[in-house]
Amino acid sequence: MNKATLLLACLMMTISLSAQKLKDVVIEGNAPFAKGKEIRLLVFDDLLTYTTTVVARETIDKNGKFKLQYKTYETKMAQLAIMTAKAEFCIEPEKEYHLDIDADEATLQLVSPEEYGAFLQVTPKNTDTTELNYRINRFSNFFENIIAEYHPYFTYLKNKEKFDTMTTIINSHFDIHYAPTDFYSSWLYYTYASLEFSMYEKNHDDIYHKYLDNEYILYNNPCYMDFFNTFYDNYLYISRRISKSVLSENINDKPDYPTLFNEVGKDPLLQNERIRELVIIKNLWQFAGKPADFNKGNIISLLDYISAHTHFPEHKKIIENIKNRISRFNKGKDIKVTLKEVSGADFKFGKPSKRWTYVQFFNSQCEECIREMMILKTIQEKFKDSLQIVSISTDYNFNDFSNFRQRYDKKMFDWQFVHINGQYEWLEGLQLFSLPEYILLSPDGKLYERHTALPEKGAIMYFRQKFTPEDIEDSPLERH
């Protein structure tokens, strides 16, 4: 290598390292409805599993003000979260965001507000028409309106003339073009790609060559990854070009990733090795949910092999998140967390006990929750030697929980009541979507069943069958 070439290589490396330098993002503003509550900033680890990580947190002060700081070298999809309510937006390096946040109080009582279309209401203090989120929101509002008008024509009728008319209208307002290094342009381009795929879903080859047959996988662009996930949904299983025997032999009979990789690579839409590996990872995750067809243990082995041998570092994090998703409700999962008693004292949840623990999630506004407590009272009386009950309040305000306990005291419901105490990340990890919800812990304090028998649907029979003398004697704590 001559000096000129070496100098150029060093210069390119310096530029590359400079581009990867972490830069500050500052988010400050007002959330007067949540004084004294915690606000969290989350970023997406990956957009295949949509797993988030908390990267900053702050207690909102007595005046409703907050300030969050985070470092990144690239534009990312992020969330602001208060309790379980969230709002999504994009953050860019070296940007400051000044926001006003509001929320409907009913939203804050929901354990999973987004399931009901409820989100934090985030408003920038100053309007900047060049800012990324403003431009995305402007496009999204336009896009939603035109889809609402033309939806039946391309979804059900497959009317090409109407679809072309809609495309012309979109292009007359927005410049839809391929620019993989530009986040905003890629947002538009792959939003339209999903639209075109819904119209021409049978033309897999043409759609692939237009939108995916290139050197870029935009791991951090949600519209690209949404399109990718839809295009390759269960692809290995439904593709006519991939033999079911190939999947069975290399997943179920003996986990053999190199052979599987080479065999599915014969599909022309999987010739790109990076895409091929990502599709295999995605589909293995989907296969793990089909225990009748695929060996879950072998799937984990294949994912471990890929993680250890992959040439694509982005895939390691995706695999880690997938494995966590697959195993999060396994028996024996540790769920230790600190909750709060009505007295204000800490309550260590998940400690070993001589009894099983039947856990109810509720809030004081949930009439069905209170009604089911009458059944819980019967269960408590019938199985008190083998089973204890813990009811966990998700109330936004601790005072609402405290007032509830005064109204329904120990004479009415004689078991442990505790408050969630800000442990909303743990709550979200349990994937609770509505109230009341129930889980069952074994005597060692670990998760036994995430989806257990319900009070009105067989819980008494379930516990009667479970708590035979043999079962009770076989309790882990009884053996010590």
Protein backbone atom coordinates (compact mmCIF):
# COMPACT_ATOMS: atom_id res chain seq x y z
CA MET A 1 0.00 0.00 0.00
CA ASN A 2 1.54 3.33 -1.05
CA LYS A 3 1.54 6.44 1.16
CA ALA A 4 -1.29 8.12 -0.75
CA THR A 5 -3.52 5.06 -0.40
CA LEU A 6 -2.65 4.70 3.30
CA LEU A 7 -3.38 8.40 3.90
CA LEU A 8 -6.75 8.07 2.16
CA ALA A 9 -7.62 4.97 4.19
CA CYS A 10 -6.77 6.78 7.45
CA LEU A 11 -8.82 9.79 6.39
CA MET A 12 -11.85 7.63 5.56
CA MET A 13 -11.52 5.85 8.92
CA THR A 14 -11.37 9.20 10.74
CA ILE A 15 -14.48 10.41 8.92
CA SER A 16 -16.29 7.16 9.73
CA LEU A 17 -15.39 7.35 13.43
CA SER A 18 -16.43 10.99 13.54
CA ALA A 19 -19.80 10.13 12.04
CA GLN A 20 -20.30 7.46 14.73
CA LYS A 21 -19.54 9.83 17.63
CA LEU A 22 -22.29 9.94 20.23
CA LYS A 23 -24.07 13.28 20.36
CA ASP A 24 -26.47 14.74 22.91
CA VAL A 25 -30.25 14.74 22.63
CA VAL A 26 -32.10 16.94 25.15
CA ILE A 27 -35.82 16.63 25.83
CA GLU A 28 -37.36 19.09 28.27
CA GLY A 29 -40.84 20.37 28.92
CA ASN A 30 -43.95 20.37 31.09
CA ALA A 31 -46.27 17.59 32.23
CA PRO A 32 -48.36 19.31 34.95
CA PHE A 33 -50.80 16.38 35.25
CA ALA A 34 -47.94 14.12 36.43
CA LYS A 35 -46.14 16.14 39.14
CA GLY A 36 -43.96 13.83 41.22
CA LYS A 37 -44.31 10.98 38.72
CA GLU A 38 -41.48 9.47 36.72
CA ILE A 39 -41.07 10.18 33.02
CA ARG A 40 -38.97 7.75 30.96
CA LEU A 41 -37.30 7.94 27.57
CA LEU A 42 -37.18 4.63 25.72
CA VAL A 43 -35.48 3.81 22.43
CA PHE A 44 -36.08 0.76 20.29
CA ASP A 45 -33.37 -1.90 20.54
CA ASP A 46 -34.63 -3.30 17.28
CA LEU A 47 -37.68 -2.80 15.09
CA LEU A 48 -38.17 -6.46 14.23
CA THR A 49 -39.32 -7.35 17.76
CA TYR A 50 -40.15 -3.74 18.73
CA THR A 51 -38.22 -4.14 21.98
CA THR A 52 -37.47 -0.95 23.88
CA THR A 53 -34.86 0.00 26.46
CA VAL A 54 -35.13 2.81 29.00
CA VAL A 55 -32.22 5.17 28.34
CA ALA A 56 -33.16 8.09 30.60
CA ARG A 57 -35.56 8.73 33.46
CA GLU A 58 -36.45 11.73 35.59
CA THR A 59 -38.95 12.61 38.30
CA ILE A 60 -41.25 15.40 37.13
CA ASP A 61 -40.83 18.26 39.61
CA LYS A 62 -43.51 20.03 41.67
CA ASN A 63 -44.00 22.56 38.87
CA GLY A 64 -44.54 19.84 36.27
CA LYS A 65 -41.15 20.36 34.61
CA PHE A 66 -38.74 17.68 33.43
CA LYS A 67 -35.49 17.32 31.49
CA LEU A 68 -34.12 14.15 29.89
CA GLN A 69 -30.74 13.68 28.20
CA TYR A 70 -29.49 10.89 25.97
CA LYS A 71 -26.57 10.32 23.59
CA THR A 72 -26.90 8.79 20.13
CA TYR A 73 -25.10 8.90 16.79
CA GLU A 74 -28.16 8.20 14.61
CA THR A 75 -31.82 9.09 14.22
CA LYS A 76 -33.97 6.69 16.22
CA MET A 77 -37.57 5.93 17.00
CA ALA A 78 -38.23 6.64 20.66
CA GLN A 79 -41.02 6.79 23.23
CA LEU A 80 -41.84 9.02 26.16
CA ALA A 81 -43.61 7.13 28.93
CA ILE A 82 -45.45 8.19 32.06
CA MET A 83 -46.95 5.27 33.96
CA THR A 84 -47.98 2.92 31.12
CA ALA A 85 -49.07 5.75 28.77
CA LYS A 86 -46.67 6.53 25.93
CA ALA A 87 -46.07 8.67 22.88
CA GLU A 88 -43.79 7.80 19.96
CA PHE A 89 -41.57 10.25 18.15
CA CYS A 90 -38.20 10.41 16.40
CA ILE A 91 -35.06 11.80 17.99
CA GLU A 92 -32.03 13.14 16.11
CA PRO A 93 -28.46 13.69 17.35
CA GLU A 94 -27.67 17.23 18.56
CA LYS A 95 -31.33 18.20 18.78
CA GLU A 96 -33.25 19.80 21.64
CA TYR A 97 -36.96 19.12 22.05
CA HIS A 98 -39.23 21.44 24.05
CA LEU A 99 -42.54 19.74 24.71
CA ASP A 100 -45.85 20.11 26.52
CA ILE A 101 -47.34 16.77 27.57
CA ASP A 102 -50.92 16.09 28.58
CA ALA A 103 -53.07 13.00 29.07
CA ASP A 104 -56.65 12.08 29.71
CA GLU A 105 -56.89 10.71 33.27
CA ALA A 106 -58.83 7.68 32.06
CA THR A 107 -55.83 6.83 29.87
CA LEU A 108 -53.58 6.68 32.91
CA GLN A 109 -55.82 4.08 34.56
CA LEU A 110 -55.33 1.62 31.68
CA VAL A 111 -52.62 -1.02 31.98
CA SER A 112 -52.05 -0.94 28.21
CA PRO A 113 -53.41 2.36 26.81
CA GLU A 114 -52.10 1.80 23.27
CA GLU A 115 -54.37 -1.25 22.97
CA TYR A 116 -57.26 1.19 23.13
CA GLY A 117 -55.69 3.86 20.92
CA ALA A 118 -54.84 6.06 23.90
CA PHE A 119 -51.51 7.87 24.04
CA LEU A 120 -49.79 10.76 25.76
CA GLN A 121 -50.59 14.02 23.99
CA VAL A 122 -47.26 15.64 23.07
CA THR A 123 -47.14 19.15 21.59
CA PRO A 124 -43.95 21.01 20.62
CA LYS A 125 -43.75 24.44 22.25
CA ASN A 126 -42.57 25.96 18.99
CA THR A 127 -43.67 25.02 15.48
CA ASP A 128 -40.76 24.23 13.16
CA THR A 129 -41.88 23.08 9.71
CA THR A 130 -38.38 21.75 8.93
CA GLU A 131 -38.24 19.52 12.01
CA LEU A 132 -38.37 15.76 11.30
CA ASN A 133 -41.41 14.93 13.45
CA TYR A 134 -43.39 17.83 11.98
CA ARG A 135 -42.66 16.60 8.45
CA ILE A 136 -43.50 12.98 9.32
CA ASN A 137 -46.77 13.98 11.01
CA ARG A 138 -47.73 16.14 8.04
CA PHE A 139 -47.12 13.21 5.67
CA SER A 140 -48.86 10.70 7.96
CA ASN A 141 -52.01 12.86 8.26
CA PHE A 142 -52.16 13.29 4.49
CA PHE A 143 -51.52 9.59 3.93
CA GLU A 144 -54.21 8.47 6.40
CA ASN A 145 -56.79 10.72 4.72
CA ILE A 146 -56.09 9.46 1.22
CA ILE A 147 -56.03 5.83 2.38
CA ALA A 148 -59.42 6.32 4.03
CA GLU A 149 -60.79 7.55 0.68
CA TYR A 150 -59.23 4.90 -1.58
CA HIS A 151 -58.90 1.93 0.77
CA PRO A 152 -61.68 -0.28 -0.71
CA TYR A 153 -60.42 0.16 -4.26
CA PHE A 154 -57.02 -1.42 -3.73
CA THR A 155 -57.65 -3.64 -0.69
CA TYR A 156 -60.75 -5.47 -1.89
CA LEU A 157 -61.37 -4.53 -5.52
CA LYS A 158 -57.72 -4.40 -6.64
CA ASN A 159 -58.64 -1.55 -8.96
CA LYS A 160 -55.39 -0.58 -10.71
CA GLU A 161 -56.82 2.63 -12.20
CA LYS A 162 -57.90 3.94 -8.80
CA PHE A 163 -54.57 2.88 -7.28
CA ASP A 164 -52.66 4.78 -9.98
CA THR A 165 -54.84 7.84 -9.35
CA MET A 166 -54.07 7.66 -5.64
CA THR A 167 -50.35 7.28 -6.40
CA THR A 168 -50.42 10.36 -8.63
CA ILE A 169 -52.07 12.39 -5.87
CA ILE A 170 -49.50 11.26 -3.30
CA ASN A 171 -46.60 12.09 -5.60
CA SER A 172 -48.05 15.50 -6.37
CA HIS A 173 -47.77 16.42 -2.69
CA PHE A 174 -44.66 14.49 -1.60
CA ASP A 175 -41.43 13.49 -3.29
CA ILE A 176 -41.46 9.70 -2.95
CA HIS A 177 -38.03 8.40 -3.94
CA TYR A 178 -35.33 5.98 -2.84
CA ALA A 179 -32.74 7.64 -0.59
CA PRO A 180 -31.58 5.00 1.92
CA THR A 181 -29.30 7.31 3.91
CA ASP A 182 -32.09 9.85 4.51
CA PHE A 183 -34.44 8.87 7.35
CA TYR A 184 -37.38 11.02 6.22
CA SER A 185 -37.21 9.99 2.55
CA SER A 186 -37.00 6.33 3.57
CA TRP A 187 -40.00 6.80 5.84
CA LEU A 188 -42.06 8.00 2.86
CA TYR A 189 -40.63 5.49 0.40
CA TYR A 190 -41.30 2.40 2.53
CA THR A 191 -44.69 3.64 3.68
CA TYR A 192 -45.62 3.68 0.02
CA ALA A 193 -43.92 0.28 -0.45
CA SER A 194 -46.31 -1.25 2.10
CA LEU A 195 -49.20 0.33 0.23
CA GLU A 196 -48.04 -1.05 -3.10
CA PHE A 197 -47.49 -4.50 -1.59
CA SER A 198 -51.07 -4.54 -0.31
CA MET A 199 -52.20 -3.86 -3.89
CA TYR A 200 -49.83 -6.27 -5.65
CA GLU A 201 -49.23 -8.84 -2.91
CA LYS A 202 -49.09 -11.70 -5.41
CA ASN A 203 -46.21 -10.05 -7.28
CA HIS A 204 -43.60 -10.91 -4.65
CA ASP A 205 -40.72 -10.97 -7.10
CA ASP A 206 -41.41 -7.52 -8.56
CA ILE A 207 -41.93 -5.95 -5.13
CA TYR A 208 -38.72 -7.57 -3.87
CA HIS A 209 -36.60 -6.26 -6.74
CA LYS A 210 -38.06 -2.77 -6.39
CA TYR A 211 -37.78 -2.32 -2.63
CA LEU A 212 -35.46 -4.92 -1.07
CA ASP A 213 -32.91 -5.95 -3.68
CA ASN A 214 -30.22 -3.46 -2.65
CA GLU A 215 -27.30 -3.18 -0.24
CA TYR A 216 -29.20 -1.46 2.59
CA ILE A 217 -31.22 -2.91 5.45
CA LEU A 218 -32.60 0.07 7.38
CA TYR A 219 -32.70 -1.54 10.83
CA ASN A 220 -33.62 1.75 12.56
CA ASN A 221 -36.30 2.97 10.17
CA PRO A 222 -39.74 1.79 11.36
CA CYS A 223 -41.37 2.02 7.92
CA TYR A 224 -38.66 -0.09 6.29
CA MET A 225 -38.90 -2.69 9.07
CA ASP A 226 -42.71 -2.71 8.97
CA PHE A 227 -42.51 -3.41 5.25
CA PHE A 228 -39.82 -6.05 5.76
CA ASN A 229 -41.85 -7.79 8.50
CA THR A 230 -44.97 -7.87 6.35
CA PHE A 231 -43.17 -9.02 3.20
CA TYR A 232 -41.36 -11.89 4.94
CA ASP A 233 -44.11 -12.84 7.40
CA ASN A 234 -43.89 -16.67 7.82
CA TYR A 235 -42.05 -16.65 4.50
CA LEU A 236 -40.06 -19.86 5.00
CA TYR A 237 -43.26 -21.73 5.78
CA ILE A 238 -45.47 -20.39 2.98
CA SER A 239 -42.92 -20.08 0.17
CA ARG A 240 -43.49 -22.62 -2.61
CA ARG A 241 -39.76 -22.53 -3.28
CA ILE A 242 -38.80 -23.91 0.14
CA SER A 243 -39.53 -27.53 0.94
CA LYS A 244 -41.25 -28.33 4.23
CA SER A 245 -38.94 -31.33 4.50
CA VAL A 246 -35.93 -28.97 4.46
CA LEU A 247 -37.38 -27.07 7.42
CA SER A 248 -38.25 -30.25 9.31
CA GLU A 249 -34.88 -31.91 8.73
CA ASN A 250 -32.81 -28.88 9.74
CA ILE A 251 -34.98 -27.62 12.59
CA ASN A 252 -36.79 -30.62 14.09
CA ASP A 253 -34.66 -33.66 13.24
CA LYS A 254 -31.30 -32.02 13.91
CA PRO A 255 -30.71 -28.26 14.19
CA ASP A 256 -28.30 -27.56 11.33
CA TYR A 257 -27.99 -23.87 10.53
CA PRO A 258 -25.37 -24.01 7.74
CA THR A 259 -27.49 -26.47 5.77
CA LEU A 260 -30.68 -24.55 6.46
CA PHE A 261 -28.98 -21.30 5.38
CA ASN A 262 -27.76 -22.83 2.12
CA GLU A 263 -31.02 -24.57 1.30
CA VAL A 264 -33.32 -21.57 1.78
CA GLY A 265 -30.78 -19.48 -0.15
CA LYS A 266 -31.95 -21.27 -3.29
CA ASP A 267 -35.04 -19.04 -3.13
CA PRO A 268 -34.24 -16.03 -5.38
CA LEU A 269 -35.80 -13.65 -2.87
CA LEU A 270 -33.31 -14.83 -0.23
CA GLN A 271 -30.07 -14.63 -2.18
CA ASN A 272 -28.92 -11.56 -0.25
CA GLU A 273 -27.15 -13.19 2.70
CA ARG A 274 -27.92 -10.44 5.22
CA ILE A 275 -31.63 -10.50 4.34
CA ARG A 276 -31.61 -14.31 4.31
CA GLU A 277 -30.23 -14.51 7.83
CA LEU A 278 -32.63 -11.88 9.11
CA VAL A 279 -35.59 -13.73 7.53
CA ILE A 280 -34.45 -17.00 9.12
CA ILE A 281 -34.19 -15.27 12.52
CA LYS A 282 -37.63 -13.70 12.17
CA ASN A 283 -39.25 -16.93 11.00
CA LEU A 284 -37.61 -19.07 13.69
CA TRP A 285 -39.22 -16.72 16.22
CA GLN A 286 -42.57 -17.27 14.55
CA PHE A 287 -42.01 -21.05 14.45
CA ALA A 288 -41.37 -21.04 18.22
CA GLY A 289 -45.05 -20.18 18.60
CA LYS A 290 -46.05 -23.35 16.73
CA PRO A 291 -45.04 -26.13 19.17
CA ALA A 292 -47.09 -28.70 17.25
CA ASP A 293 -44.95 -28.15 14.15
CA PHE A 294 -41.50 -27.11 15.42
CA ASN A 295 -39.17 -28.11 18.25
CA LYS A 296 -38.80 -25.06 20.47
CA GLY A 297 -35.55 -26.28 22.05
CA ASN A 298 -33.98 -26.77 18.62
CA ILE A 299 -35.09 -23.26 17.61
CA ILE A 300 -33.25 -21.84 20.62
CA SER A 301 -30.16 -23.85 19.62
CA LEU A 302 -30.32 -22.46 16.08
CA LEU A 303 -30.66 -18.89 17.37
CA ASP A 304 -27.67 -19.44 19.67
CA TYR A 305 -25.62 -20.72 16.74
CA ILE A 306 -26.52 -17.74 14.57
CA SER A 307 -25.66 -15.31 17.35
CA ALA A 308 -22.25 -16.94 17.83
CA HIS A 309 -21.37 -17.05 14.11
CA THR A 310 -23.18 -14.14 12.46
CA HIS A 311 -21.25 -11.60 10.37
CA PHE A 312 -23.95 -9.00 11.01
CA PRO A 313 -23.71 -7.42 14.49
CA GLU A 314 -27.28 -6.03 14.36
CA HIS A 315 -28.57 -9.60 14.40
CA LYS A 316 -27.06 -10.39 17.82
CA LYS A 317 -29.30 -7.90 19.61
CA ILE A 318 -32.37 -9.04 17.67
CA ILE A 319 -31.69 -12.66 18.67
CA GLU A 320 -31.21 -11.67 22.31
CA ASN A 321 -34.58 -9.89 22.27
CA ILE A 322 -36.28 -12.83 20.55
CA LYS A 323 -34.94 -15.29 23.11
CA ASN A 324 -36.18 -13.05 25.92
CA ARG A 325 -39.61 -12.92 24.27
CA ILE A 326 -39.74 -16.70 23.87
CA SER A 327 -38.75 -17.38 27.49
CA ARG A 328 -40.35 -14.48 29.37
CA PHE A 329 -43.30 -16.56 30.65
CA ASN A 330 -41.39 -19.79 31.27
CA LYS A 331 -42.03 -21.57 34.54
CA GLY A 332 -39.48 -20.57 37.12
CA LYS A 333 -39.04 -17.01 35.81
CA ASP A 334 -37.81 -14.72 38.59
CA ILE A 335 -40.23 -11.82 39.09
CA LYS A 336 -38.91 -10.18 42.26
CA VAL A 337 -40.10 -6.59 42.54
CA THR A 338 -40.75 -4.07 45.34
CA LEU A 339 -44.36 -2.93 45.68
CA LYS A 340 -45.99 -0.75 48.37
CA GLU A 341 -48.45 -1.61 51.13
CA VAL A 342 -51.30 0.72 52.03
CA SER A 343 -49.27 1.84 55.06
CA GLY A 344 -46.51 3.02 52.74
CA ALA A 345 -44.16 0.19 53.72
CA ASP A 346 -42.27 -1.72 51.04
CA PHE A 347 -43.63 -5.11 50.04
CA LYS A 348 -41.10 -7.54 48.56
CA PHE A 349 -43.04 -9.41 45.92
CA GLY A 350 -41.86 -12.83 44.73
CA LYS A 351 -40.38 -14.03 48.03
CA PRO A 352 -40.53 -17.78 48.84
CA SER A 353 -43.54 -18.90 50.85
CA LYS A 354 -45.06 -22.12 52.14
CA ARG A 355 -48.06 -21.47 49.90
CA TRP A 356 -48.78 -20.82 46.25
CA THR A 357 -49.66 -17.22 45.36
CA TYR A 358 -52.66 -16.30 43.23
CA VAL A 359 -52.13 -12.74 41.99
CA GLN A 360 -54.86 -10.37 40.85
CA PHE A 361 -54.14 -7.09 39.01
CA PHE A 362 -56.87 -4.47 39.50
CA ASN A 363 -57.62 -0.80 39.97
CA SER A 364 -60.17 0.92 42.17
CA GLN A 365 -62.31 2.04 39.18
CA CYS A 366 -62.69 -1.50 37.79
CA GLU A 367 -66.12 -2.82 38.80
CA GLU A 368 -65.44 -6.27 37.38
CA CYS A 369 -62.27 -6.47 39.48
CA ILE A 370 -64.25 -5.78 42.66
CA ARG A 371 -66.97 -8.25 41.67
CA GLU A 372 -64.36 -10.98 41.15
CA MET A 373 -62.93 -10.23 44.59
CA MET A 374 -66.09 -11.84 45.98
CA ILE A 375 -65.06 -15.06 44.22
CA LEU A 376 -61.49 -14.60 45.43
CA LYS A 377 -62.91 -14.45 48.94
CA THR A 378 -64.41 -17.91 48.43
CA ILE A 379 -61.14 -19.22 46.97
CA GLN A 380 -59.23 -17.78 49.94
CA GLU A 381 -61.51 -19.57 52.39
CA LYS A 382 -61.42 -22.93 50.57
CA PHE A 383 -57.67 -23.12 50.02
CA LYS A 384 -56.17 -20.96 52.77
CA ASP A 385 -53.72 -23.70 53.84
CA SER A 386 -52.29 -24.05 50.32
CA LEU A 387 -52.91 -20.71 48.64
CA GLN A 388 -52.47 -17.02 49.41
CA ILE A 389 -53.92 -14.16 47.39
CA VAL A 390 -52.23 -10.87 46.55
CA SER A 391 -54.18 -8.09 44.79
CA ILE A 392 -51.97 -5.50 43.07
CA SER A 393 -53.47 -2.06 42.42
CA THR A 394 -52.42 -0.28 39.22
CA ASP A 395 -54.12 2.97 40.30
CA TYR A 396 -52.47 6.13 38.99
CA ASN A 397 -52.84 7.83 42.38
CA PHE A 398 -51.79 6.00 45.54
CA ASN A 399 -54.59 7.82 47.40
CA ASP A 400 -57.18 6.10 45.19
CA PHE A 401 -55.74 2.76 46.28
CA SER A 402 -55.65 3.86 49.92
CA ASN A 403 -59.28 5.04 49.81
CA PHE A 404 -60.29 1.77 48.15
CA ARG A 405 -58.71 -0.20 50.98
CA GLN A 406 -60.55 1.87 53.57
CA ARG A 407 -63.80 1.22 51.76
CA TYR A 408 -63.13 -2.53 51.41
CA ASP A 409 -61.17 -3.34 54.55
CA LYS A 410 -59.93 -6.66 55.96
CA LYS A 411 -63.40 -7.57 57.15
CA MET A 412 -64.50 -7.60 53.53
CA PHE A 413 -61.37 -8.88 51.75
CA ASP A 414 -58.91 -10.55 54.10
CA TRP A 415 -55.75 -10.87 52.02
CA GLN A 416 -52.74 -8.79 50.97
CA PHE A 417 -53.38 -5.63 48.91
CA VAL A 418 -50.45 -3.65 47.51
CA HIS A 419 -49.83 -0.80 45.09
CA ILE A 420 -47.76 -1.05 41.89
CA ASN A 421 -45.35 1.58 43.28
CA GLY A 422 -44.12 2.83 39.90
CA GLN A 423 -43.01 -0.62 38.67
CA TYR A 424 -44.52 -0.06 35.24
CA GLU A 425 -41.69 -1.65 33.30
CA TRP A 426 -42.32 -4.90 35.17
CA LEU A 427 -46.06 -4.52 34.52
CA GLU A 428 -45.45 -4.00 30.80
CA GLY A 429 -43.20 -7.05 30.71
CA LEU A 430 -46.10 -9.21 31.87
CA GLN A 431 -48.08 -8.12 28.78
CA LEU A 432 -51.23 -7.16 30.66
CA PHE A 433 -53.80 -5.70 28.29
CA SER A 434 -56.88 -5.32 30.48
CA LEU A 435 -58.12 -5.69 34.05
CA PRO A 436 -58.62 -7.87 35.99
CA GLU A 437 -55.70 -10.15 35.13
CA TYR A 438 -54.21 -13.09 37.05
CA ILE A 439 -50.91 -14.95 37.39
CA LEU A 440 -49.86 -17.84 39.61
CA LEU A 441 -46.59 -18.10 41.56
CA SER A 442 -45.19 -21.35 42.95
CA PRO A 443 -44.07 -21.55 46.61
CA ASP A 444 -40.51 -20.64 45.62
CA GLY A 445 -41.84 -17.19 44.63
CA LYS A 446 -41.25 -17.68 40.91
CA LEU A 447 -43.66 -17.57 37.98
CA TYR A 448 -45.65 -20.76 37.55
CA GLU A 449 -48.33 -19.66 35.07
CA ARG A 450 -48.68 -16.30 33.36
CA HIS A 451 -52.12 -17.23 31.99
CA THR A 452 -53.70 -19.15 34.83
CA ALA A 453 -57.23 -20.26 35.74
CA LEU A 454 -59.67 -17.35 36.16
CA PRO A 455 -62.01 -16.92 39.16
CA GLU A 456 -65.15 -17.22 37.03
CA LYS A 457 -63.78 -19.85 34.69
CA GLY A 458 -62.72 -22.88 36.65
CA ALA A 459 -60.27 -21.53 39.24
CA ILE A 460 -61.95 -23.34 42.13
CA MET A 461 -61.90 -26.68 40.28
CA TYR A 462 -58.31 -26.02 39.15
CA PHE A 463 -57.07 -25.42 42.69
CA ARG A 464 -59.12 -28.32 44.09
CA GLN A 465 -57.39 -30.68 41.65
CA LYS A 466 -53.99 -29.11 42.27
CA PHE A 467 -53.90 -29.12 46.05
CA THR A 468 -54.04 -32.82 46.76
CA PRO A 469 -52.00 -33.98 49.76
CA GLU A 470 -49.31 -35.26 47.37
CA ASP A 471 -48.96 -31.85 45.74
CA ILE A 472 -48.78 -30.04 49.03
CA GLU A 473 -46.15 -32.43 50.42
CA ASP A 474 -44.16 -31.97 47.20
CA SER A 475 -43.94 -28.20 47.70
CA PRO A 476 -40.27 -27.10 47.33
CA LEU A 477 -40.31 -25.49 50.76
CA GLU A 478 -41.88 -28.49 52.47
CA ARG A 479 -38.85 -30.58 51.44
CA HIS A 480 -36.40 -28.37 53.38
